[in-house]
PDB file of N, CA and C in Angstrom:
ATOM      1  N   MET A   1     -47.070  14.924 -37.897  1.00  0.00           N
ATOM      2  CA  MET A   1     -45.438  15.070 -37.639  1.00  0.00           C
ATOM      3  C   MET A   1     -45.082  15.650 -35.820  1.00  0.00           C
ATOM      4  N   LYS A   2     -46.327  16.213 -35.377  1.00  0.00           N
ATOM      5  CA  LYS A   2     -46.528  16.240 -33.905  1.00  0.00           C
ATOM      6  C   LYS A   2     -46.547  14.965 -33.287  1.00  0.00           C
ATOM      7  N   LYS A   3     -47.395  14.112 -33.743  1.00  0.00           N
ATOM      8  CA  LYS A   3     -47.269  12.406 -33.155  1.00  0.00           C
ATOM      9  C   LYS A   3     -45.956  12.226 -33.194  1.00  0.00           C
ATOM     10  N   ILE A   4     -45.227  12.008 -33.733  1.00  0.00           N
ATOM     11  CA  ILE A   4     -44.045  11.235 -34.005  1.00  0.00           C
ATOM     12  C   ILE A   4     -43.050  12.104 -33.175  1.00  0.00           C
ATOM     13  N   ALA A   5     -43.267  13.374 -32.855  1.00  0.00           N
ATOM     14  CA  ALA A   5     -41.979  14.061 -31.884  1.00  0.00           C
ATOM     15  C   ALA A   5     -42.903  13.911 -30.674  1.00  0.00           C
ATOM     16  N   VAL A   6     -44.108  13.685 -30.344  1.00  0.00           N
ATOM     17  CA  VAL A   6     -44.180  13.045 -28.844  1.00  0.00           C
ATOM     18  C   VAL A   6     -44.047  11.522 -28.150  1.00  0.00           C
ATOM     19  N   VAL A   7     -43.878  10.962 -29.427  1.00  0.00           N
ATOM     20  CA  VAL A   7     -43.714   9.630 -29.525  1.00  0.00           C
ATOM     21  C   VAL A   7     -42.340   9.597 -28.914  1.00  0.00           C
ATOM     22  N   THR A   8     -41.391  10.089 -29.705  1.00  0.00           N
ATOM     23  CA  THR A   8     -39.738  10.419 -29.862  1.00  0.00           C
ATOM     24  C   THR A   8     -39.702  10.637 -28.309  1.00  0.00           C
ATOM     25  N   VAL A   9     -39.761  11.919 -28.049  1.00  0.00           N
ATOM     26  CA  VAL A   9     -39.947  12.156 -26.851  1.00  0.00           C
ATOM     27  C   VAL A   9     -39.780  11.163 -25.757  1.00  0.00           C
ATOM     28  N   ALA A  10     -40.990  10.525 -25.568  1.00  0.00           N
ATOM     29  CA  ALA A  10     -41.382   9.616 -24.804  1.00  0.00           C
ATOM     30  C   ALA A  10     -40.337   8.529 -24.819  1.00  0.00           C
ATOM     31  N   VAL A  11     -40.300   8.077 -26.082  1.00  0.00           N
ATOM     32  CA  VAL A  11     -39.317   6.866 -25.851  1.00  0.00           C
ATOM     33  C   VAL A  11     -37.854   7.317 -24.839  1.00  0.00           C
ATOM     34  N   LEU A  12     -37.458   8.593 -25.686  1.00  0.00           N
ATOM     35  CA  LEU A  12     -36.244   9.334 -25.209  1.00  0.00           C
ATOM     36  C   LEU A  12     -36.079   9.115 -23.209  1.00  0.00           C
ATOM     37  N   ALA A  13     -37.488   9.785 -23.161  1.00  0.00           N
ATOM     38  CA  ALA A  13     -37.491   9.706 -21.595  1.00  0.00           C
ATOM     39  C   ALA A  13     -37.636   8.248 -20.666  1.00  0.00           C
ATOM     40  N   LEU A  14     -38.089   7.318 -21.135  1.00  0.00           N
ATOM     41  CA  LEU A  14     -38.208   5.901 -21.222  1.00  0.00           C
ATOM     42  C   LEU A  14     -36.763   5.506 -21.213  1.00  0.00           C
ATOM     43  N   GLY A  15     -36.407   5.784 -22.168  1.00  0.00           N
ATOM     44  CA  GLY A  15     -34.579   5.212 -22.028  1.00  0.00           C
ATOM     45  C   GLY A  15     -33.769   6.000 -21.484  1.00  0.00           C
ATOM     46  N   LEU A  16     -34.013   7.118 -21.186  1.00  0.00           N
ATOM     47  CA  LEU A  16     -33.221   8.140 -19.653  1.00  0.00           C
ATOM     48  C   LEU A  16     -33.684   7.247 -18.608  1.00  0.00           C
ATOM     49  N   ALA A  17     -34.810   7.013 -18.438  1.00  0.00           N
ATOM     50  CA  ALA A  17     -34.970   6.634 -17.028  1.00  0.00           C
ATOM     51  C   ALA A  17     -34.728   5.581 -17.270  1.00  0.00           C
ATOM     52  N   ALA A  18     -34.212   4.266 -17.622  1.00  0.00           N
ATOM     53  CA  ALA A  18     -33.649   2.974 -18.109  1.00  0.00           C
ATOM     54  C   ALA A  18     -32.734   3.058 -17.463  1.00  0.00           C
ATOM     55  N   CYS A  19     -31.997   4.397 -18.246  1.00  0.00           N
ATOM     56  CA  CYS A  19     -30.172   4.453 -17.767  1.00  0.00           C
ATOM     57  C   CYS A  19     -30.251   4.975 -16.561  1.00  0.00           C
ATOM     58  N   ASN A  20     -30.671   5.499 -15.958  1.00  0.00           N
ATOM     59  CA  ASN A  20     -30.434   5.935 -14.493  1.00  0.00           C
ATOM     60  C   ASN A  20     -30.940   4.645 -13.339  1.00  0.00           C
ATOM     61  N   LYS A  21     -29.309   5.081 -12.804  1.00  0.00           N
ATOM     62  CA  LYS A  21     -29.536   3.330 -11.120  1.00  0.00           C
ATOM     63  C   LYS A  21     -30.454   3.936 -10.441  1.00  0.00           C
ATOM     64  N   ASN A  22     -30.748   2.914  -9.921  1.00  0.00           N
ATOM     65  CA  ASN A  22     -31.250   3.482  -8.022  1.00  0.00           C
ATOM     66  C   ASN A  22     -29.782   4.429  -7.514  1.00  0.00           C
ATOM     67  N   THR A  23     -29.559   5.067  -7.087  1.00  0.00           N
ATOM     68  CA  THR A  23     -29.156   5.845  -6.656  1.00  0.00           C
ATOM     69  C   THR A  23     -28.626   5.477  -5.127  1.00  0.00           C
ATOM     70  N   ALA A  24     -29.215   4.960  -4.468  1.00  0.00           N
ATOM     71  CA  ALA A  24     -29.050   3.757  -3.036  1.00  0.00           C
ATOM     72  C   ALA A  24     -28.019   2.979  -3.208  1.00  0.00           C
ATOM     73  N   GLU A  25     -28.257   1.660  -4.662  1.00  0.00           N
ATOM     74  CA  GLU A  25     -27.311   0.986  -5.162  1.00  0.00           C
ATOM     75  C   GLU A  25     -26.218   1.589  -5.559  1.00  0.00           C
ATOM     76  N   ASN A  26     -26.229   2.683  -6.040  1.00  0.00           N
ATOM     77  CA  ASN A  26     -25.109   3.393  -6.456  1.00  0.00           C
ATOM     78  C   ASN A  26     -24.373   4.248  -5.231  1.00  0.00           C
ATOM     79  N   ASN A  27     -24.457   4.378  -4.397  1.00  0.00           N
ATOM     80  CA  ASN A  27     -24.084   4.910  -3.276  1.00  0.00           C
ATOM     81  C   ASN A  27     -23.444   3.735  -2.364  1.00  0.00           C
ATOM     82  N   ALA A  28     -24.230   2.599  -2.206  1.00  0.00           N
ATOM     83  CA  ALA A  28     -23.520   1.241  -1.698  1.00  0.00           C
ATOM     84  C   ALA A  28     -22.362   0.559  -2.329  1.00  0.00           C
ATOM     85  N   ALA A  29     -22.743   0.616  -3.405  1.00  0.00           N
ATOM     86  CA  ALA A  29     -21.443   0.359  -4.464  1.00  0.00           C
ATOM     87  C   ALA A  29     -20.043   0.942  -4.320  1.00  0.00           C
ATOM     88  N   ASN A  30     -20.370   2.491  -4.556  1.00  0.00           N
ATOM     89  CA  ASN A  30     -19.250   3.399  -4.230  1.00  0.00           C
ATOM     90  C   ASN A  30     -18.414   2.830  -3.399  1.00  0.00           C
ATOM     91  N   GLU A  31     -19.536   3.225  -1.806  1.00  0.00           N
ATOM     92  CA  GLU A  31     -19.455   3.076  -0.532  1.00  0.00           C
ATOM     93  C   GLU A  31     -18.178   1.584  -0.174  1.00  0.00           C
ATOM     94  N   THR A  32     -18.467   0.929  -0.736  1.00  0.00           N
ATOM     95  CA  THR A  32     -18.381  -0.739  -0.616  1.00  0.00           C
ATOM     96  C   THR A  32     -16.756  -0.305  -1.422  1.00  0.00           C
ATOM     97  N   ALA A  33     -16.734   0.311  -2.515  1.00  0.00           N
ATOM     98  CA  ALA A  33     -15.346   0.462  -3.331  1.00  0.00           C
ATOM     99  C   ALA A  33     -14.520   1.429  -2.864  1.00  0.00           C
ATOM    100  N   VAL A  34     -14.984   2.470  -2.064  1.00  0.00           N
ATOM    101  CA  VAL A  34     -14.157   3.452  -1.163  1.00  0.00           C
ATOM    102  C   VAL A  34     -13.455   2.570   0.111  1.00  0.00           C
ATOM    103  N   GLU A  35     -14.484   1.291   0.894  1.00  0.00           N
ATOM    104  CA  GLU A  35     -13.779   0.727   1.971  1.00  0.00           C
ATOM    105  C   GLU A  35     -12.975  -0.197   1.387  1.00  0.00           C
ATOM    106  N   ASN A  36     -13.022  -1.087   0.376  1.00  0.00           N
ATOM    107  CA  ASN A  36     -12.122  -2.153  -0.689  1.00  0.00           C
ATOM    108  C   ASN A  36     -10.968  -1.308  -0.417  1.00  0.00           C
ATOM    109  N   ASN A  37     -10.904  -0.256  -0.691  1.00  0.00           N
ATOM    110  CA  ASN A  37      -9.571   0.996  -1.236  1.00  0.00           C
ATOM    111  C   ASN A  37      -9.184   1.111  -0.085  1.00  0.00           C
ATOM    112  N   ALA A  38      -9.845   1.587   0.978  1.00  0.00           N
ATOM    113  CA  ALA A  38      -9.174   2.090   2.126  1.00  0.00           C
ATOM    114  C   ALA A  38      -8.344   0.877   2.683  1.00  0.00           C
ATOM    115  N   ALA A  39      -9.238  -0.320   2.841  1.00  0.00           N
ATOM    116  CA  ALA A  39      -8.600  -1.827   3.401  1.00  0.00           C
ATOM    117  C   ALA A  39      -7.186  -2.055   2.618  1.00  0.00           C
ATOM    118  N   ASN A  40      -7.389  -1.801   1.696  1.00  0.00           N
ATOM    119  CA  ASN A  40      -5.894  -2.230   0.607  1.00  0.00           C
ATOM    120  C   ASN A  40      -4.625  -1.179   0.905  1.00  0.00           C
ATOM    121  N   ASP A  41      -4.986  -0.142   1.000  1.00  0.00           N
ATOM    122  CA  ASP A  41      -4.150   1.010   1.617  1.00  0.00           C
ATOM    123  C   ASP A  41      -3.679   0.924   2.740  1.00  0.00           C
ATOM    124  N   THR A  42      -4.596   0.434   3.521  1.00  0.00           N
ATOM    125  CA  THR A  42      -3.882   0.206   4.933  1.00  0.00           C
ATOM    126  C   THR A  42      -3.332  -1.074   5.153  1.00  0.00           C
ATOM    127  N   ASN A  43      -3.418  -2.003   4.268  1.00  0.00           N
ATOM    128  CA  ASN A  43      -2.394  -3.412   4.060  1.00  0.00           C
ATOM    129  C   ASN A  43      -0.909  -3.152   3.692  1.00  0.00           C
ATOM    130  N   VAL A  44      -1.023  -2.030   2.847  1.00  0.00           N
ATOM    131  CA  VAL A  44      -0.093  -1.960   1.848  1.00  0.00           C
ATOM    132  C   VAL A  44       0.489  -0.728   3.016  1.00  0.00           C
ATOM    133  N   ALA A  45      -0.108   0.029   3.456  1.00  0.00           N
ATOM    134  CA  ALA A  45       0.866   0.820   4.520  1.00  0.00           C
ATOM    135  C   ALA A  45       1.349   0.002   5.492  1.00  0.00           C
ATOM    136  N   ALA A  46       0.507  -0.988   6.160  1.00  0.00           N
ATOM    137  CA  ALA A  46       1.373  -1.923   7.157  1.00  0.00           C
ATOM    138  C   ALA A  46       2.871  -3.050   6.534  1.00  0.00           C
ATOM    139  N   GLU A  47       2.352  -3.001   5.677  1.00  0.00           N
ATOM    140  CA  GLU A  47       3.554  -4.114   4.728  1.00  0.00           C
ATOM    141  C   GLU A  47       4.883  -3.112   4.389  1.00  0.00           C
ATOM    142  N   ASN A  48       4.495  -2.210   4.367  1.00  0.00           N
ATOM    143  CA  ASN A  48       5.529  -1.151   3.882  1.00  0.00           C
ATOM    144  C   ASN A  48       6.400  -0.564   5.010  1.00  0.00           C
ATOM    145  N   ALA A  49       5.348  -0.456   6.756  1.00  0.00           N
ATOM    146  CA  ALA A  49       6.024  -0.536   7.797  1.00  0.00           C
ATOM    147  C   ALA A  49       6.607  -1.419   8.409  1.00  0.00           C
ATOM    148  N   THR A  50       6.192  -2.627   8.377  1.00  0.00           N
ATOM    149  CA  THR A  50       7.008  -3.862   8.263  1.00  0.00           C
ATOM    150  C   THR A  50       8.146  -3.724   7.463  1.00  0.00           C
ATOM    151  N   THR A  51       8.315  -3.995   6.189  1.00  0.00           N
ATOM    152  CA  THR A  51       9.347  -4.066   5.635  1.00  0.00           C
ATOM    153  C   THR A  51      10.761  -3.297   5.570  1.00  0.00           C
ATOM    154  N   ALA A  52      10.109  -1.620   6.394  1.00  0.00           N
ATOM    155  CA  ALA A  52      11.220  -0.779   6.803  1.00  0.00           C
ATOM    156  C   ALA A  52      11.639  -1.121   7.736  1.00  0.00           C
ATOM    157  N   ALA A  53      10.525  -1.434   9.009  1.00  0.00           N
ATOM    158  CA  ALA A  53      11.107  -2.038  10.521  1.00  0.00           C
ATOM    159  C   ALA A  53      12.037  -3.225  10.039  1.00  0.00           C
ATOM    160  N   ASP A  54      11.408  -4.428   9.329  1.00  0.00           N
ATOM    161  CA  ASP A  54      13.187  -5.154   9.386  1.00  0.00           C
ATOM    162  C   ASP A  54      14.051  -4.989   8.430  1.00  0.00           C
ATOM    163  N   ASN A  55      14.136  -3.811   7.741  1.00  0.00           N
ATOM    164  CA  ASN A  55      15.428  -3.595   6.971  1.00  0.00           C
ATOM    165  C   ASN A  55      16.245  -2.555   8.011  1.00  0.00           C
ATOM    166  N   ALA A  56      15.564  -1.992   9.018  1.00  0.00           N
ATOM    167  CA  ALA A  56      15.931  -1.293  10.055  1.00  0.00           C
ATOM    168  C   ALA A  56      16.773  -2.055  10.807  1.00  0.00           C
ATOM    169  N   LEU A  57      16.075  -3.343  11.489  1.00  0.00           N
ATOM    170  CA  LEU A  57      16.729  -4.492  12.184  1.00  0.00           C
ATOM    171  C   LEU A  57      17.792  -4.811  11.650  1.00  0.00           C
ATOM    172  N   ASN A  58      17.537  -5.648  10.641  1.00  0.00           N
ATOM    173  CA  ASN A  58      18.911  -5.903   9.855  1.00  0.00           C
ATOM    174  C   ASN A  58      20.113  -4.620   9.660  1.00  0.00           C
ATOM    175  N   ALA A  59      19.755  -3.755   9.549  1.00  0.00           N
ATOM    176  CA  ALA A  59      20.793  -2.413   9.318  1.00  0.00           C
ATOM    177  C   ALA A  59      21.403  -2.726  10.706  1.00  0.00           C
ATOM    178  N   ALA A  60      20.904  -2.308  11.877  1.00  0.00           N
ATOM    179  CA  ALA A  60      21.029  -2.803  13.040  1.00  0.00           C
ATOM    180  C   ALA A  60      21.898  -4.123  13.716  1.00  0.00           C
ATOM    181  N   GLY A  61      21.412  -4.989  13.077  1.00  0.00           N
ATOM    182  CA  GLY A  61      22.511  -6.428  13.439  1.00  0.00           C
ATOM    183  C   GLY A  61      23.722  -6.162  12.896  1.00  0.00           C
ATOM    184  N   ASN A  62      23.735  -5.907  11.567  1.00  0.00           N
ATOM    185  CA  ASN A  62      24.975  -5.194  10.403  1.00  0.00           C
ATOM    186  C   ASN A  62      25.889  -4.373  11.583  1.00  0.00           C
ATOM    187  N   ASP A  63      25.233  -3.727  11.795  1.00  0.00           N
ATOM    188  CA  ASP A  63      26.273  -2.574  12.915  1.00  0.00           C
ATOM    189  C   ASP A  63      27.015  -3.410  13.928  1.00  0.00           C
ATOM    190  N   VAL A  64      26.225  -4.025  14.329  1.00  0.00           N
ATOM    191  CA  VAL A  64      26.748  -4.861  15.728  1.00  0.00           C
ATOM    192  C   VAL A  64      27.373  -5.841  15.660  1.00  0.00           C
ATOM    193  N   ASN A  65      27.331  -6.737  14.644  1.00  0.00           N
ATOM    194  CA  ASN A  65      28.156  -7.601  13.382  1.00  0.00           C
ATOM    195  C   ASN A  65      29.337  -7.124  13.478  1.00  0.00           C
ATOM    196  N   ALA A  66      29.382  -5.877  12.856  1.00  0.00           N
ATOM    197  CA  ALA A  66      30.660  -4.949  12.210  1.00  0.00           C
ATOM    198  C   ALA A  66      31.229  -4.445  13.674  1.00  0.00           C
ATOM    199  N   ALA A  67      30.547  -4.004  14.978  1.00  0.00           N
ATOM    200  CA  ALA A  67      31.784  -3.496  15.467  1.00  0.00           C
ATOM    201  C   ALA A  67      32.167  -5.066  16.926  1.00  0.00           C
ATOM    202  N   GLY A  68      31.302  -5.618  16.290  1.00  0.00           N
ATOM    203  CA  GLY A  68      32.022  -7.479  16.745  1.00  0.00           C
ATOM    204  C   GLY A  68      33.123  -7.358  16.207  1.00  0.00           C
ATOM    205  N   ASN A  69      33.287  -7.213  15.015  1.00  0.00           N
ATOM    206  CA  ASN A  69      34.433  -7.962  13.982  1.00  0.00           C
ATOM    207  C   ASN A  69      35.720  -7.143  14.528  1.00  0.00           C
ATOM    208  N   ALA A  70      35.171  -5.761  14.782  1.00  0.00           N
ATOM    209  CA  ALA A  70      36.458  -4.610  14.581  1.00  0.00           C
ATOM    210  C   ALA A  70      36.979  -4.824  16.349  1.00  0.00           C
ATOM    211  N   VAL A  71      36.014  -5.009  17.432  1.00  0.00           N
ATOM    212  CA  VAL A  71      36.513  -5.417  18.477  1.00  0.00           C
ATOM    213  C   VAL A  71      37.525  -6.582  18.804  1.00  0.00           C
ATOM    214  N   GLU A  72      36.999  -7.965  18.016  1.00  0.00           N
ATOM    215  CA  GLU A  72      37.915  -8.995  17.373  1.00  0.00           C
ATOM    216  C   GLU A  72      39.344  -8.372  17.165  1.00  0.00           C
ATOM    217  N   ASN A  73      38.956  -7.908  15.912  1.00  0.00           N
ATOM    218  CA  ASN A  73      40.600  -7.206  15.167  1.00  0.00           C
ATOM    219  C   ASN A  73      41.330  -6.748  15.788  1.00  0.00           C
ATOM    220  N   ALA A  74      41.145  -5.627  16.767  1.00  0.00           N
ATOM    221  CA  ALA A  74      41.619  -4.810  18.003  1.00  0.00           C
ATOM    222  C   ALA A  74      42.124  -5.676  18.937  1.00  0.00           C
ATOM    223  N   SER A  75      41.609  -6.981  19.515  1.00  0.00           N
ATOM    224  CA  SER A  75      41.829  -7.735  19.711  1.00  0.00           C
ATOM    225  C   SER A  75      43.088  -8.393  19.672  1.00  0.00           C
ATOM    226  N   ASN A  76      43.090  -9.119  17.909  1.00  0.00           N
ATOM    227  CA  ASN A  76      44.154  -9.813  17.875  1.00  0.00           C
ATOM    228  C   ASN A  76      45.324  -8.789  17.686  1.00  0.00           C
ATOM    229  N   ALA A  77      45.114  -7.340  17.464  1.00  0.00           N
ATOM    230  CA  ALA A  77      46.182  -7.103  17.296  1.00  0.00           C
ATOM    231  C   ALA A  77      47.055  -6.611  18.181  1.00  0.00           C
ATOM    232  N   VAL A  78      46.546  -6.667  19.285  1.00  0.00           N
ATOM    233  CA  VAL A  78      47.380  -6.474  20.497  1.00  0.00           C
ATOM    234  C   VAL A  78      47.706  -7.688  21.068  1.00  0.00           C
ATOM    235  N   ALA A  79      47.090  -8.506  20.690  1.00  0.00           N
ATOM    236  CA  ALA A  79      47.847 -10.071  21.418  1.00  0.00           C
ATOM    237  C   ALA A  79      49.046 -10.175  20.093  1.00  0.00           C
ATOM    238  N   ASN A  80      49.262  -9.398  18.741  1.00  0.00           N
ATOM    239  CA  ASN A  80      49.750 -10.065  18.169  1.00  0.00           C
ATOM    240  C   ASN A  80      51.119  -8.768  18.185  1.00  0.00           C
ATOM    241  N   ALA A  81      50.591  -7.692  18.565  1.00  0.00           N
ATOM    242  CA  ALA A  81      51.903  -6.929  18.948  1.00  0.00           C
ATOM    243  C   ALA A  81      52.881  -6.985  20.661  1.00  0.00           C
ATOM    244  N   SER A  82      52.170  -7.724  21.071  1.00  0.00           N
ATOM    245  CA  SER A  82      52.984  -8.138  22.426  1.00  0.00           C
ATOM    246  C   SER A  82      53.645  -9.577  22.512  1.00  0.00           C
ATOM    247  N   THR A  83      52.890 -10.158  21.216  1.00  0.00           N
ATOM    248  CA  THR A  83      53.886 -11.232  20.782  1.00  0.00           C
ATOM    249  C   THR A  83      55.139 -10.875  20.006  1.00  0.00           C
ATOM    250  N   ASN A  84      54.978  -9.948  19.141  1.00  0.00           N
ATOM    251  CA  ASN A  84      56.251  -9.749  18.282  1.00  0.00           C
ATOM    252  C   ASN A  84      56.984  -8.875  18.883  1.00  0.00           C
ATOM    253  N   LYS A  85      56.806  -8.394  20.291  1.00  0.00           N
ATOM    254  CA  LYS A  85      58.345  -7.245  21.160  1.00  0.00           C
ATOM    255  C   LYS A  85      59.391  -8.074  20.897  1.00  0.00           C
TER     256      LYS A  85
END
């Protein structure tokens, strides 16, 4: 029985040793994953900032167009008022 227990413990120890990966390899893989995720996050943030800036410029352009239309409408109203006297 003692021989079976010793063999079993030895087999289990070898199995556990085989499951343990090299810490340096794990650290390198984790480091790469962290760097890739950080790069992806940076790209997404840059894209979001660009989209927000584009939207703000479009909104400003729309406001300028609306102001131009208001000036034109006011000018037409003045012209019409002076014609209809």
